[in-house]
Amino acid sequence: MLRSMTSNSSPLDCNCFAIRQVARYVSQMYERHLNLAGITAAQFTIIAAIGRKPGVQMAELADQLVMDRTTPSVR
């Protein structure tokens, strides 16, 4: 059940805000390290998915990564 925000609440009291903040921090950390290899976190995700299943079809890859079917071929 969601806890309602009151006038005394801070955005930091919100679980959704906290989770999104942590996700941004982790993404930034990955971006910093992957930048040294010349790739983005999005590119790494695609490379890792292909590495787990070599020969995967574009449509299946897009479904696994929850993206539009044309997105993996654009980059």
N, C-alpha and C. Protein backbone atom coordinates (compact mmCIF):
# COMPACT_ATOMS: atom_id res chain seq x y z
N MET A 1 0.84 -1.17 0.00
CA MET A 1 0.00 0.00 0.00
C MET A 1 0.88 1.23 0.00
N LEU A 2 0.50 2.23 -0.77
CA LEU A 2 1.27 3.45 -0.85
C LEU A 2 1.03 4.33 0.36
N ARG A 3 2.10 4.89 0.87
CA ARG A 3 1.98 5.84 1.97
C ARG A 3 1.77 7.21 1.37
N SER A 4 0.80 7.94 1.84
CA SER A 4 0.52 9.25 1.26
C SER A 4 1.53 10.27 1.75
N MET A 5 1.82 11.21 0.86
CA MET A 5 2.73 12.30 1.20
C MET A 5 1.93 13.35 1.97
N THR A 6 2.47 13.83 3.05
CA THR A 6 1.82 14.89 3.81
C THR A 6 2.62 16.17 3.64
N SER A 7 2.09 17.26 4.17
CA SER A 7 2.79 18.53 4.04
C SER A 7 4.13 18.50 4.77
N ASN A 8 4.29 17.59 5.73
CA ASN A 8 5.55 17.47 6.46
C ASN A 8 6.52 16.50 5.81
N SER A 9 6.08 15.83 4.74
CA SER A 9 6.90 14.82 4.09
C SER A 9 7.94 15.48 3.19
N SER A 10 9.02 14.81 3.06
CA SER A 10 10.10 15.21 2.16
C SER A 10 10.09 14.27 0.97
N PRO A 11 10.55 14.71 -0.20
CA PRO A 11 10.68 13.76 -1.32
C PRO A 11 11.54 12.56 -0.95
N LEU A 12 12.44 12.75 0.02
CA LEU A 12 13.31 11.66 0.44
C LEU A 12 12.55 10.58 1.19
N ASP A 13 11.32 10.87 1.64
CA ASP A 13 10.49 9.88 2.32
C ASP A 13 9.79 8.96 1.33
N CYS A 14 9.85 9.29 0.07
CA CYS A 14 9.14 8.54 -0.96
C CYS A 14 10.03 7.40 -1.49
N ASN A 15 9.54 6.17 -1.40
CA ASN A 15 10.31 5.02 -1.88
C ASN A 15 10.58 5.11 -3.37
N CYS A 16 9.61 5.57 -4.14
CA CYS A 16 9.79 5.70 -5.59
C CYS A 16 10.94 6.65 -5.89
N PHE A 17 10.96 7.79 -5.22
CA PHE A 17 12.03 8.77 -5.41
C PHE A 17 13.38 8.15 -5.04
N ALA A 18 13.43 7.47 -3.92
CA ALA A 18 14.69 6.88 -3.45
C ALA A 18 15.22 5.84 -4.44
N ILE A 19 14.34 4.99 -4.95
CA ILE A 19 14.75 3.96 -5.89
C ILE A 19 15.24 4.59 -7.19
N ARG A 20 14.53 5.60 -7.68
CA ARG A 20 14.95 6.27 -8.91
C ARG A 20 16.29 6.97 -8.71
N GLN A 21 16.49 7.56 -7.54
CA GLN A 21 17.75 8.24 -7.24
C GLN A 21 18.91 7.24 -7.24
N VAL A 22 18.72 6.09 -6.63
CA VAL A 22 19.76 5.06 -6.61
C VAL A 22 20.02 4.54 -8.02
N ALA A 23 18.97 4.34 -8.79
CA ALA A 23 19.13 3.86 -10.17
C ALA A 23 19.95 4.85 -10.99
N ARG A 24 19.69 6.15 -10.81
CA ARG A 24 20.49 7.16 -11.54
C ARG A 24 21.95 7.11 -11.10
N TYR A 25 22.19 6.95 -9.80
CA TYR A 25 23.56 6.87 -9.30
C TYR A 25 24.29 5.67 -9.90
N VAL A 26 23.65 4.52 -9.89
CA VAL A 26 24.27 3.30 -10.43
C VAL A 26 24.52 3.46 -11.93
N SER A 27 23.55 4.02 -12.65
CA SER A 27 23.72 4.25 -14.10
C SER A 27 24.90 5.17 -14.37
N GLN A 28 25.03 6.22 -13.57
CA GLN A 28 26.15 7.15 -13.75
C GLN A 28 27.48 6.45 -13.50
N MET A 29 27.52 5.58 -12.51
CA MET A 29 28.75 4.83 -12.21
C MET A 29 29.12 3.94 -13.40
N TYR A 30 28.14 3.20 -13.93
CA TYR A 30 28.39 2.36 -15.10
C TYR A 30 28.85 3.19 -16.29
N GLU A 31 28.17 4.31 -16.54
CA GLU A 31 28.54 5.18 -17.66
C GLU A 31 29.99 5.64 -17.55
N ARG A 32 30.41 6.01 -16.35
CA ARG A 32 31.80 6.45 -16.14
C ARG A 32 32.79 5.36 -16.51
N HIS A 33 32.53 4.15 -16.06
CA HIS A 33 33.47 3.05 -16.32
C HIS A 33 33.40 2.57 -17.76
N LEU A 34 32.20 2.50 -18.32
CA LEU A 34 32.07 2.04 -19.69
C LEU A 34 32.58 3.07 -20.69
N ASN A 35 32.57 4.34 -20.30
CA ASN A 35 33.10 5.39 -21.16
C ASN A 35 34.58 5.14 -21.48
N LEU A 36 35.29 4.54 -20.54
CA LEU A 36 36.70 4.21 -20.77
C LEU A 36 36.85 3.21 -21.91
N ALA A 37 35.83 2.37 -22.11
CA ALA A 37 35.84 1.39 -23.20
C ALA A 37 35.21 1.96 -24.47
N GLY A 38 34.70 3.19 -24.37
CA GLY A 38 34.12 3.83 -25.55
C GLY A 38 32.69 3.41 -25.87
N ILE A 39 31.98 2.87 -24.87
CA ILE A 39 30.59 2.47 -25.09
C ILE A 39 29.71 3.06 -24.00
N THR A 40 28.41 3.10 -24.29
CA THR A 40 27.43 3.57 -23.31
C THR A 40 26.85 2.38 -22.55
N ALA A 41 26.13 2.66 -21.48
CA ALA A 41 25.47 1.60 -20.72
C ALA A 41 24.43 0.89 -21.59
N ALA A 42 23.73 1.64 -22.44
CA ALA A 42 22.74 1.04 -23.34
C ALA A 42 23.42 0.07 -24.31
N GLN A 43 24.56 0.48 -24.86
CA GLN A 43 25.29 -0.40 -25.78
C GLN A 43 25.80 -1.64 -25.05
N PHE A 44 26.29 -1.46 -23.83
CA PHE A 44 26.76 -2.59 -23.04
C PHE A 44 25.64 -3.60 -22.80
N THR A 45 24.44 -3.09 -22.50
CA THR A 45 23.30 -3.96 -22.26
C THR A 45 23.00 -4.82 -23.48
N ILE A 46 23.06 -4.21 -24.65
CA ILE A 46 22.80 -4.95 -25.89
C ILE A 46 23.91 -5.97 -26.14
N ILE A 47 25.16 -5.58 -25.96
CA ILE A 47 26.29 -6.50 -26.15
C ILE A 47 26.19 -7.68 -25.18
N ALA A 48 25.84 -7.40 -23.92
CA ALA A 48 25.71 -8.47 -22.92
C ALA A 48 24.58 -9.42 -23.29
N ALA A 49 23.47 -8.89 -23.76
CA ALA A 49 22.33 -9.74 -24.15
C ALA A 49 22.71 -10.64 -25.32
N ILE A 50 23.43 -10.10 -26.29
CA ILE A 50 23.89 -10.90 -27.44
C ILE A 50 24.90 -11.94 -26.98
N GLY A 51 25.77 -11.56 -26.04
CA GLY A 51 26.75 -12.50 -25.51
C GLY A 51 26.12 -13.67 -24.79
N ARG A 52 24.97 -13.43 -24.14
CA ARG A 52 24.27 -14.51 -23.44
C ARG A 52 23.57 -15.45 -24.42
N LYS A 53 23.23 -14.93 -25.61
CA LYS A 53 22.53 -15.75 -26.59
C LYS A 53 23.01 -15.38 -27.99
N PRO A 54 24.20 -15.85 -28.37
CA PRO A 54 24.72 -15.54 -29.70
C PRO A 54 23.74 -15.97 -30.80
N GLY A 55 23.60 -15.16 -31.82
CA GLY A 55 22.71 -15.48 -32.92
C GLY A 55 21.27 -15.09 -32.67
N VAL A 56 21.00 -14.40 -31.56
CA VAL A 56 19.63 -13.99 -31.24
C VAL A 56 19.09 -13.11 -32.36
N GLN A 57 17.83 -13.30 -32.69
CA GLN A 57 17.18 -12.50 -33.72
C GLN A 57 16.86 -11.11 -33.17
N MET A 58 16.84 -10.12 -34.06
CA MET A 58 16.60 -8.73 -33.67
C MET A 58 15.28 -8.57 -32.91
N ALA A 59 14.22 -9.20 -33.38
CA ALA A 59 12.90 -9.08 -32.73
C ALA A 59 12.94 -9.65 -31.31
N GLU A 60 13.59 -10.78 -31.14
CA GLU A 60 13.69 -11.40 -29.81
C GLU A 60 14.54 -10.53 -28.88
N LEU A 61 15.63 -10.00 -29.41
CA LEU A 61 16.50 -9.13 -28.62
C LEU A 61 15.72 -7.89 -28.16
N ALA A 62 14.97 -7.30 -29.06
CA ALA A 62 14.16 -6.12 -28.71
C ALA A 62 13.14 -6.47 -27.64
N ASP A 63 12.51 -7.64 -27.75
CA ASP A 63 11.55 -8.07 -26.73
C ASP A 63 12.22 -8.25 -25.38
N GLN A 64 13.38 -8.88 -25.37
CA GLN A 64 14.11 -9.11 -24.11
C GLN A 64 14.51 -7.80 -23.45
N LEU A 65 14.88 -6.82 -24.25
CA LEU A 65 15.35 -5.54 -23.73
C LEU A 65 14.24 -4.50 -23.60
N VAL A 66 13.03 -4.92 -23.91
CA VAL A 66 11.85 -4.05 -23.83
C VAL A 66 12.10 -2.74 -24.59
N MET A 67 12.41 -2.89 -25.87
CA MET A 67 12.61 -1.72 -26.72
C MET A 67 11.98 -1.96 -28.08
N ASP A 68 11.82 -0.89 -28.81
CA ASP A 68 11.26 -0.99 -30.15
C ASP A 68 12.19 -1.85 -31.00
N ARG A 69 11.63 -2.64 -31.89
CA ARG A 69 12.42 -3.58 -32.69
C ARG A 69 13.50 -2.90 -33.51
N THR A 70 13.29 -1.65 -33.93
CA THR A 70 14.29 -0.95 -34.75
C THR A 70 15.40 -0.32 -33.92
N THR A 71 15.19 -0.14 -32.62
CA THR A 71 16.18 0.54 -31.79
C THR A 71 17.55 -0.14 -31.78
N PRO A 72 17.66 -1.47 -31.59
CA PRO A 72 19.00 -2.07 -31.56
C PRO A 72 19.78 -1.88 -32.87
N SER A 73 19.11 -1.74 -34.00
CA SER A 73 19.82 -1.61 -35.26
C SER A 73 20.23 -0.17 -35.57
N VAL A 74 19.69 0.79 -34.84
CA VAL A 74 19.98 2.20 -35.09
C VAL A 74 21.40 2.54 -34.65
N ARG A 75 21.86 1.96 -33.60
CA ARG A 75 23.17 2.33 -33.04
C ARG A 75 24.25 1.55 -33.65
